[in-house]
PDB file of N, CA and C in Angstrom:
ATOM      1  N   UNK A   1      32.295 -43.685  69.528  1.00  0.00           N
ATOM      2  CA  UNK A   1      32.348 -43.703  68.403  1.00  0.00           C
ATOM      3  C   UNK A   1      33.488 -44.858  68.124  1.00  0.00           C
ATOM      4  N   UNK A   2      33.366 -45.285  66.918  1.00  0.00           N
ATOM      5  CA  UNK A   2      34.651 -46.341  66.595  1.00  0.00           C
ATOM      6  C   UNK A   2      35.930 -45.315  66.911  1.00  0.00           C
ATOM      7  N   UNK A   3      36.814 -45.707  67.075  1.00  0.00           N
ATOM      8  CA  UNK A   3      38.493 -45.001  66.613  1.00  0.00           C
ATOM      9  C   UNK A   3      38.734 -45.540  65.302  1.00  0.00           C
ATOM     10  N   UNK A   4      39.759 -45.221  64.716  1.00  0.00           N
ATOM     11  CA  UNK A   4      40.274 -46.167  63.693  1.00  0.00           C
ATOM     12  C   UNK A   4      41.022 -44.725  62.734  1.00  0.00           C
ATOM     13  N   UNK A   5      41.134 -45.772  61.479  1.00  0.00           N
ATOM     14  CA  UNK A   5      42.262 -44.318  60.494  1.00  0.00           C
ATOM     15  C   UNK A   5      40.310 -43.200  60.193  1.00  0.00           C
ATOM     16  N   UNK A   6      39.111 -43.195  60.138  1.00  0.00           N
ATOM     17  CA  UNK A   6      38.564 -42.374  59.971  1.00  0.00           C
ATOM     18  C   UNK A   6      37.472 -41.966  60.647  1.00  0.00           C
ATOM     19  N   UNK A   7      38.362 -42.173  61.872  1.00  0.00           N
ATOM     20  CA  UNK A   7      37.367 -41.637  63.068  1.00  0.00           C
ATOM     21  C   UNK A   7      36.238 -40.362  63.048  1.00  0.00           C
ATOM     22  N   UNK A   8      37.302 -39.102  62.419  1.00  0.00           N
ATOM     23  CA  UNK A   8      35.828 -38.100  61.907  1.00  0.00           C
ATOM     24  C   UNK A   8      34.750 -38.564  60.583  1.00  0.00           C
ATOM     25  N   UNK A   9      35.860 -38.731  60.152  1.00  0.00           N
ATOM     26  CA  UNK A   9      35.146 -39.174  58.928  1.00  0.00           C
ATOM     27  C   UNK A   9      34.679 -38.429  57.761  1.00  0.00           C
ATOM     28  N   UNK A  10      35.342 -36.603  58.182  1.00  0.00           N
ATOM     29  CA  UNK A  10      34.649 -35.591  57.132  1.00  0.00           C
ATOM     30  C   UNK A  10      36.068 -34.956  57.572  1.00  0.00           C
ATOM     31  N   UNK A  11      35.968 -34.083  56.217  1.00  0.00           N
ATOM     32  CA  UNK A  11      36.271 -32.784  55.507  1.00  0.00           C
ATOM     33  C   UNK A  11      35.932 -31.593  54.743  1.00  0.00           C
ATOM     34  N   UNK A  12      35.910 -30.749  55.039  1.00  0.00           N
ATOM     35  CA  UNK A  12      35.207 -29.910  55.012  1.00  0.00           C
ATOM     36  C   UNK A  12      36.351 -28.400  54.116  1.00  0.00           C
ATOM     37  N   UNK A  13      35.159 -27.990  53.281  1.00  0.00           N
ATOM     38  CA  UNK A  13      35.838 -26.339  52.814  1.00  0.00           C
ATOM     39  C   UNK A  13      34.849 -26.035  53.406  1.00  0.00           C
ATOM     40  N   UNK A  14      35.834 -25.112  54.086  1.00  0.00           N
ATOM     41  CA  UNK A  14      34.407 -23.840  54.527  1.00  0.00           C
ATOM     42  C   UNK A  14      35.386 -22.265  53.922  1.00  0.00           C
ATOM     43  N   UNK A  15      34.608 -21.608  54.210  1.00  0.00           N
ATOM     44  CA  UNK A  15      35.263 -20.125  54.349  1.00  0.00           C
ATOM     45  C   UNK A  15      36.079 -19.745  55.048  1.00  0.00           C
ATOM     46  N   UNK A  16      37.041 -18.805  54.904  1.00  0.00           N
ATOM     47  CA  UNK A  16      37.624 -18.626  55.650  1.00  0.00           C
ATOM     48  C   UNK A  16      37.609 -17.199  56.614  1.00  0.00           C
ATOM     49  N   UNK A  17      37.221 -16.344  57.045  1.00  0.00           N
ATOM     50  CA  UNK A  17      37.031 -15.420  57.850  1.00  0.00           C
ATOM     51  C   UNK A  17      37.064 -14.289  57.822  1.00  0.00           C
ATOM     52  N   UNK A  18      39.057 -14.623  57.138  1.00  0.00           N
ATOM     53  CA  UNK A  18      40.037 -13.456  56.786  1.00  0.00           C
ATOM     54  C   UNK A  18      39.958 -13.648  54.929  1.00  0.00           C
ATOM     55  N   UNK A  19      39.142 -14.254  54.991  1.00  0.00           N
ATOM     56  CA  UNK A  19      38.923 -14.559  53.277  1.00  0.00           C
ATOM     57  C   UNK A  19      40.075 -15.363  52.345  1.00  0.00           C
ATOM     58  N   UNK A  20      39.320 -15.888  51.292  1.00  0.00           N
ATOM     59  CA  UNK A  20      39.380 -17.403  50.915  1.00  0.00           C
ATOM     60  C   UNK A  20      38.740 -18.405  51.744  1.00  0.00           C
ATOM     61  N   UNK A  21      39.809 -19.749  51.064  1.00  0.00           N
ATOM     62  CA  UNK A  21      39.079 -20.854  51.752  1.00  0.00           C
ATOM     63  C   UNK A  21      39.748 -22.034  52.478  1.00  0.00           C
ATOM     64  N   UNK A  22      39.541 -22.892  53.772  1.00  0.00           N
ATOM     65  CA  UNK A  22      40.540 -23.500  54.234  1.00  0.00           C
ATOM     66  C   UNK A  22      39.395 -25.187  54.093  1.00  0.00           C
ATOM     67  N   UNK A  23      40.302 -26.377  53.775  1.00  0.00           N
ATOM     68  CA  UNK A  23      40.213 -27.527  54.193  1.00  0.00           C
ATOM     69  C   UNK A  23      40.466 -27.522  55.812  1.00  0.00           C
ATOM     70  N   UNK A  24      39.187 -28.596  55.829  1.00  0.00           N
ATOM     71  CA  UNK A  24      39.788 -28.914  57.655  1.00  0.00           C
ATOM     72  C   UNK A  24      39.139 -30.178  57.473  1.00  0.00           C
ATOM     73  N   UNK A  25      39.427 -30.925  58.653  1.00  0.00           N
ATOM     74  CA  UNK A  25      39.096 -32.037  58.745  1.00  0.00           C
ATOM     75  C   UNK A  25      37.581 -32.640  59.770  1.00  0.00           C
ATOM     76  N   UNK A  26      37.358 -32.533  59.739  1.00  0.00           N
ATOM     77  CA  UNK A  26      35.926 -32.779  60.945  1.00  0.00           C
ATOM     78  C   UNK A  26      36.255 -32.847  62.089  1.00  0.00           C
ATOM     79  N   UNK A  27      36.203 -31.856  63.367  1.00  0.00           N
ATOM     80  CA  UNK A  27      36.373 -32.356  64.318  1.00  0.00           C
ATOM     81  C   UNK A  27      37.961 -31.064  65.208  1.00  0.00           C
ATOM     82  N   UNK A  28      38.898 -31.167  63.333  1.00  0.00           N
ATOM     83  CA  UNK A  28      40.246 -30.489  63.459  1.00  0.00           C
ATOM     84  C   UNK A  28      40.161 -29.217  64.289  1.00  0.00           C
ATOM     85  N   UNK A  29      41.058 -28.495  64.559  1.00  0.00           N
ATOM     86  CA  UNK A  29      41.402 -26.967  64.995  1.00  0.00           C
ATOM     87  C   UNK A  29      42.127 -26.666  63.093  1.00  0.00           C
ATOM     88  N   UNK A  30      43.016 -27.617  62.832  1.00  0.00           N
ATOM     89  CA  UNK A  30      43.899 -26.608  62.146  1.00  0.00           C
ATOM     90  C   UNK A  30      43.048 -26.630  60.289  1.00  0.00           C
ATOM     91  N   UNK A  31      44.032 -25.456  59.798  1.00  0.00           N
ATOM     92  CA  UNK A  31      43.159 -26.180  58.054  1.00  0.00           C
ATOM     93  C   UNK A  31      44.261 -26.798  57.828  1.00  0.00           C
ATOM     94  N   UNK A  32      44.279 -27.776  56.573  1.00  0.00           N
ATOM     95  CA  UNK A  32      44.455 -28.881  55.803  1.00  0.00           C
ATOM     96  C   UNK A  32      45.228 -27.641  54.129  1.00  0.00           C
ATOM     97  N   UNK A  33      44.605 -27.046  54.352  1.00  0.00           N
ATOM     98  CA  UNK A  33      44.809 -26.084  53.138  1.00  0.00           C
ATOM     99  C   UNK A  33      44.085 -24.543  53.494  1.00  0.00           C
ATOM    100  N   UNK A  34      44.324 -23.624  52.352  1.00  0.00           N
ATOM    101  CA  UNK A  34      43.973 -22.024  52.428  1.00  0.00           C
ATOM    102  C   UNK A  34      44.149 -22.201  50.836  1.00  0.00           C
ATOM    103  N   UNK A  35      42.649 -21.157  50.179  1.00  0.00           N
ATOM    104  CA  UNK A  35      43.049 -21.438  49.124  1.00  0.00           C
ATOM    105  C   UNK A  35      42.072 -19.571  48.686  1.00  0.00           C
ATOM    106  N   UNK A  36      42.934 -18.820  47.779  1.00  0.00           N
ATOM    107  CA  UNK A  36      41.944 -18.629  47.372  1.00  0.00           C
ATOM    108  C   UNK A  36      40.473 -17.481  46.898  1.00  0.00           C
ATOM    109  N   UNK A  37      40.371 -18.778  46.430  1.00  0.00           N
ATOM    110  CA  UNK A  37      38.801 -18.841  45.507  1.00  0.00           C
ATOM    111  C   UNK A  37      38.447 -20.815  45.982  1.00  0.00           C
ATOM    112  N   UNK A  38      37.357 -20.863  45.543  1.00  0.00           N
ATOM    113  CA  UNK A  38      36.779 -22.351  46.932  1.00  0.00           C
ATOM    114  C   UNK A  38      37.503 -22.985  45.337  1.00  0.00           C
ATOM    115  N   UNK A  39      36.702 -22.789  44.401  1.00  0.00           N
ATOM    116  CA  UNK A  39      36.728 -23.932  43.182  1.00  0.00           C
ATOM    117  C   UNK A  39      38.395 -24.413  43.517  1.00  0.00           C
ATOM    118  N   UNK A  40      39.538 -24.243  43.401  1.00  0.00           N
ATOM    119  CA  UNK A  40      41.324 -24.794  43.781  1.00  0.00           C
ATOM    120  C   UNK A  40      41.277 -25.330  45.256  1.00  0.00           C
ATOM    121  N   UNK A  41      40.215 -24.544  46.894  1.00  0.00           N
ATOM    122  CA  UNK A  41      40.056 -25.277  47.350  1.00  0.00           C
ATOM    123  C   UNK A  41      38.247 -26.783  47.804  1.00  0.00           C
ATOM    124  N   UNK A  42      38.040 -27.157  46.726  1.00  0.00           N
ATOM    125  CA  UNK A  42      37.190 -28.465  45.986  1.00  0.00           C
ATOM    126  C   UNK A  42      38.256 -28.834  45.891  1.00  0.00           C
ATOM    127  N   UNK A  43      38.866 -28.568  44.279  1.00  0.00           N
ATOM    128  CA  UNK A  43      39.415 -29.522  43.832  1.00  0.00           C
ATOM    129  C   UNK A  43      40.394 -30.498  44.709  1.00  0.00           C
ATOM    130  N   UNK A  44      40.811 -29.538  45.915  1.00  0.00           N
ATOM    131  CA  UNK A  44      42.324 -30.208  46.159  1.00  0.00           C
ATOM    132  C   UNK A  44      41.015 -31.223  47.807  1.00  0.00           C
ATOM    133  N   UNK A  45      40.872 -30.221  48.257  1.00  0.00           N
ATOM    134  CA  UNK A  45      39.279 -30.798  48.966  1.00  0.00           C
ATOM    135  C   UNK A  45      38.986 -32.464  48.868  1.00  0.00           C
ATOM    136  N   UNK A  46      38.646 -32.928  47.424  1.00  0.00           N
ATOM    137  CA  UNK A  46      38.894 -34.152  46.831  1.00  0.00           C
ATOM    138  C   UNK A  46      39.497 -35.133  46.585  1.00  0.00           C
ATOM    139  N   UNK A  47      40.947 -34.778  46.278  1.00  0.00           N
ATOM    140  CA  UNK A  47      41.602 -35.457  46.465  1.00  0.00           C
ATOM    141  C   UNK A  47      42.091 -35.762  47.900  1.00  0.00           C
ATOM    142  N   UNK A  48      42.272 -35.016  48.971  1.00  0.00           N
ATOM    143  CA  UNK A  48      42.847 -35.668  49.997  1.00  0.00           C
ATOM    144  C   UNK A  48      41.764 -36.138  50.923  1.00  0.00           C
ATOM    145  N   UNK A  49      40.326 -36.174  50.430  1.00  0.00           N
ATOM    146  CA  UNK A  49      38.959 -36.652  51.205  1.00  0.00           C
ATOM    147  C   UNK A  49      39.048 -38.773  49.853  1.00  0.00           C
ATOM    148  N   UNK A  50      39.549 -38.452  49.101  1.00  0.00           N
ATOM    149  CA  UNK A  50      39.558 -39.653  47.842  1.00  0.00           C
ATOM    150  C   UNK A  50      41.109 -40.813  48.897  1.00  0.00           C
ATOM    151  N   UNK A  51      41.985 -39.402  49.006  1.00  0.00           N
ATOM    152  CA  UNK A  51      42.907 -40.318  49.857  1.00  0.00           C
ATOM    153  C   UNK A  51      42.978 -40.990  50.786  1.00  0.00           C
ATOM    154  N   UNK A  52      41.620 -40.234  51.964  1.00  0.00           N
ATOM    155  CA  UNK A  52      41.490 -40.454  53.039  1.00  0.00           C
ATOM    156  C   UNK A  52      40.391 -41.273  53.440  1.00  0.00           C
ATOM    157  N   UNK A  53      39.506 -41.436  52.150  1.00  0.00           N
ATOM    158  CA  UNK A  53      38.320 -42.290  52.260  1.00  0.00           C
ATOM    159  C   UNK A  53      36.560 -41.782  53.325  1.00  0.00           C
ATOM    160  N   UNK A  54      36.529 -40.319  53.031  1.00  0.00           N
ATOM    161  CA  UNK A  54      35.959 -39.887  53.944  1.00  0.00           C
ATOM    162  C   UNK A  54      35.125 -39.322  52.814  1.00  0.00           C
ATOM    163  N   UNK A  55      34.695 -38.182  53.385  1.00  0.00           N
ATOM    164  CA  UNK A  55      33.047 -37.571  52.562  1.00  0.00           C
ATOM    165  C   UNK A  55      33.446 -36.456  53.143  1.00  0.00           C
ATOM    166  N   UNK A  56      33.132 -35.466  51.812  1.00  0.00           N
ATOM    167  CA  UNK A  56      33.145 -34.167  51.681  1.00  0.00           C
ATOM    168  C   UNK A  56      32.210 -33.921  52.100  1.00  0.00           C
ATOM    169  N   UNK A  57      31.963 -31.880  52.768  1.00  0.00           N
ATOM    170  CA  UNK A  57      31.297 -31.721  52.778  1.00  0.00           C
ATOM    171  C   UNK A  57      31.590 -29.862  51.994  1.00  0.00           C
ATOM    172  N   UNK A  58      31.097 -29.638  51.258  1.00  0.00           N
ATOM    173  CA  UNK A  58      31.371 -28.364  50.509  1.00  0.00           C
ATOM    174  C   UNK A  58      30.531 -26.798  51.080  1.00  0.00           C
ATOM    175  N   UNK A  59      31.195 -25.578  51.710  1.00  0.00           N
ATOM    176  CA  UNK A  59      29.992 -25.589  52.818  1.00  0.00           C
ATOM    177  C   UNK A  59      30.033 -24.089  51.724  1.00  0.00           C
ATOM    178  N   UNK A  60      28.574 -23.427  51.358  1.00  0.00           N
ATOM    179  CA  UNK A  60      28.868 -21.714  50.800  1.00  0.00           C
ATOM    180  C   UNK A  60      29.367 -20.297  52.469  1.00  0.00           C
ATOM    181  N   UNK A  61      29.429 -19.243  50.866  1.00  0.00           N
ATOM    182  CA  UNK A  61      30.199 -18.010  51.850  1.00  0.00           C
ATOM    183  C   UNK A  61      29.345 -17.983  53.179  1.00  0.00           C
ATOM    184  N   UNK A  62      27.979 -18.334  53.110  1.00  0.00           N
ATOM    185  CA  UNK A  62      27.196 -18.164  55.202  1.00  0.00           C
ATOM    186  C   UNK A  62      27.466 -19.257  55.834  1.00  0.00           C
ATOM    187  N   UNK A  63      28.785 -20.216  55.057  1.00  0.00           N
ATOM    188  CA  UNK A  63      28.617 -20.984  55.641  1.00  0.00           C
ATOM    189  C   UNK A  63      28.272 -22.310  56.295  1.00  0.00           C
ATOM    190  N   UNK A  64      27.045 -22.577  55.689  1.00  0.00           N
ATOM    191  CA  UNK A  64      26.053 -24.009  55.519  1.00  0.00           C
ATOM    192  C   UNK A  64      26.503 -24.895  54.359  1.00  0.00           C
ATOM    193  N   UNK A  65      25.940 -26.416  55.091  1.00  0.00           N
ATOM    194  CA  UNK A  65      26.671 -26.508  53.633  1.00  0.00           C
ATOM    195  C   UNK A  65      25.574 -26.784  52.472  1.00  0.00           C
ATOM    196  N   UNK A  66      26.792 -26.973  51.366  1.00  0.00           N
ATOM    197  CA  UNK A  66      25.549 -26.602  50.329  1.00  0.00           C
ATOM    198  C   UNK A  66      26.001 -27.686  48.819  1.00  0.00           C
ATOM    199  N   UNK A  67      26.869 -28.688  49.193  1.00  0.00           N
ATOM    200  CA  UNK A  67      27.353 -29.818  48.307  1.00  0.00           C
ATOM    201  C   UNK A  67      28.401 -31.194  49.573  1.00  0.00           C
ATOM    202  N   UNK A  68      28.018 -32.228  49.274  1.00  0.00           N
ATOM    203  CA  UNK A  68      28.808 -33.427  49.858  1.00  0.00           C
ATOM    204  C   UNK A  68      29.089 -34.042  48.618  1.00  0.00           C
ATOM    205  N   UNK A  69      30.007 -35.536  48.738  1.00  0.00           N
ATOM    206  CA  UNK A  69      30.168 -35.673  47.937  1.00  0.00           C
ATOM    207  C   UNK A  69      30.947 -37.284  48.825  1.00  0.00           C
ATOM    208  N   UNK A  70      31.193 -38.179  48.340  1.00  0.00           N
ATOM    209  CA  UNK A  70      31.208 -39.394  49.233  1.00  0.00           C
ATOM    210  C   UNK A  70      32.554 -39.720  48.510  1.00  0.00           C
ATOM    211  N   UNK A  71      33.207 -40.607  49.091  1.00  0.00           N
ATOM    212  CA  UNK A  71      34.322 -40.839  48.666  1.00  0.00           C
ATOM    213  C   UNK A  71      35.321 -41.948  50.075  1.00  0.00           C
ATOM    214  N   UNK A  72      33.908 -42.678  50.089  1.00  0.00           N
ATOM    215  CA  UNK A  72      34.340 -44.523  50.413  1.00  0.00           C
ATOM    216  C   UNK A  72      34.464 -44.785  51.112  1.00  0.00           C
ATOM    217  N   UNK A  73      33.175 -44.034  51.630  1.00  0.00           N
ATOM    218  CA  UNK A  73      33.000 -43.998  53.477  1.00  0.00           C
ATOM    219  C   UNK A  73      31.308 -43.859  53.204  1.00  0.00           C
ATOM    220  N   UNK A  74      30.849 -44.119  52.181  1.00  0.00           N
ATOM    221  CA  UNK A  74      29.191 -44.858  52.017  1.00  0.00           C
ATOM    222  C   UNK A  74      28.708 -45.621  52.668  1.00  0.00           C
ATOM    223  N   UNK A  75      28.260 -45.297  54.005  1.00  0.00           N
ATOM    224  CA  UNK A  75      27.130 -46.822  54.672  1.00  0.00           C
ATOM    225  C   UNK A  75      26.388 -47.378  54.207  1.00  0.00           C
ATOM    226  N   UNK A  76      25.581 -46.518  52.844  1.00  0.00           N
ATOM    227  CA  UNK A  76      24.656 -47.183  52.092  1.00  0.00           C
ATOM    228  C   UNK A  76      24.523 -48.242  50.901  1.00  0.00           C
ATOM    229  N   UNK A  77      24.217 -49.827  51.411  1.00  0.00           N
ATOM    230  CA  UNK A  77      23.876 -50.864  50.124  1.00  0.00           C
ATOM    231  C   UNK A  77      22.694 -50.953  48.895  1.00  0.00           C
ATOM    232  N   UNK A  78      23.116 -49.948  47.808  1.00  0.00           N
ATOM    233  CA  UNK A  78      21.875 -50.330  47.570  1.00  0.00           C
ATOM    234  C   UNK A  78      22.357 -51.091  46.204  1.00  0.00           C
ATOM    235  N   UNK A  79      22.185 -51.581  45.724  1.00  0.00           N
ATOM    236  CA  UNK A  79      21.875 -53.013  44.759  1.00  0.00           C
ATOM    237  C   UNK A  79      21.606 -52.502  43.230  1.00  0.00           C
ATOM    238  N   UNK A  80      21.963 -52.871  42.244  1.00  0.00           N
ATOM    239  CA  UNK A  80      22.290 -51.783  41.261  1.00  0.00           C
ATOM    240  C   UNK A  80      23.038 -51.556  40.175  1.00  0.00           C
TER     241      UNK A  80
END
């Protein structure tokens, strides 16, 4: 994997086992933020993801990815 500004390339909004929601960098062990409700975590996650030009993966309560947003790291080249 190429090293650089976007080495991990993703941020995740994930449920915290103790309650609430966390924002984590892909491959990281620390949380970038903890929120009591999912919408606040998603809003802040989008800000962080835009600033870092990463993908944002929004997980459901069961841990599965429910939604994905691209913020400057979209590898597709679609004309239109």
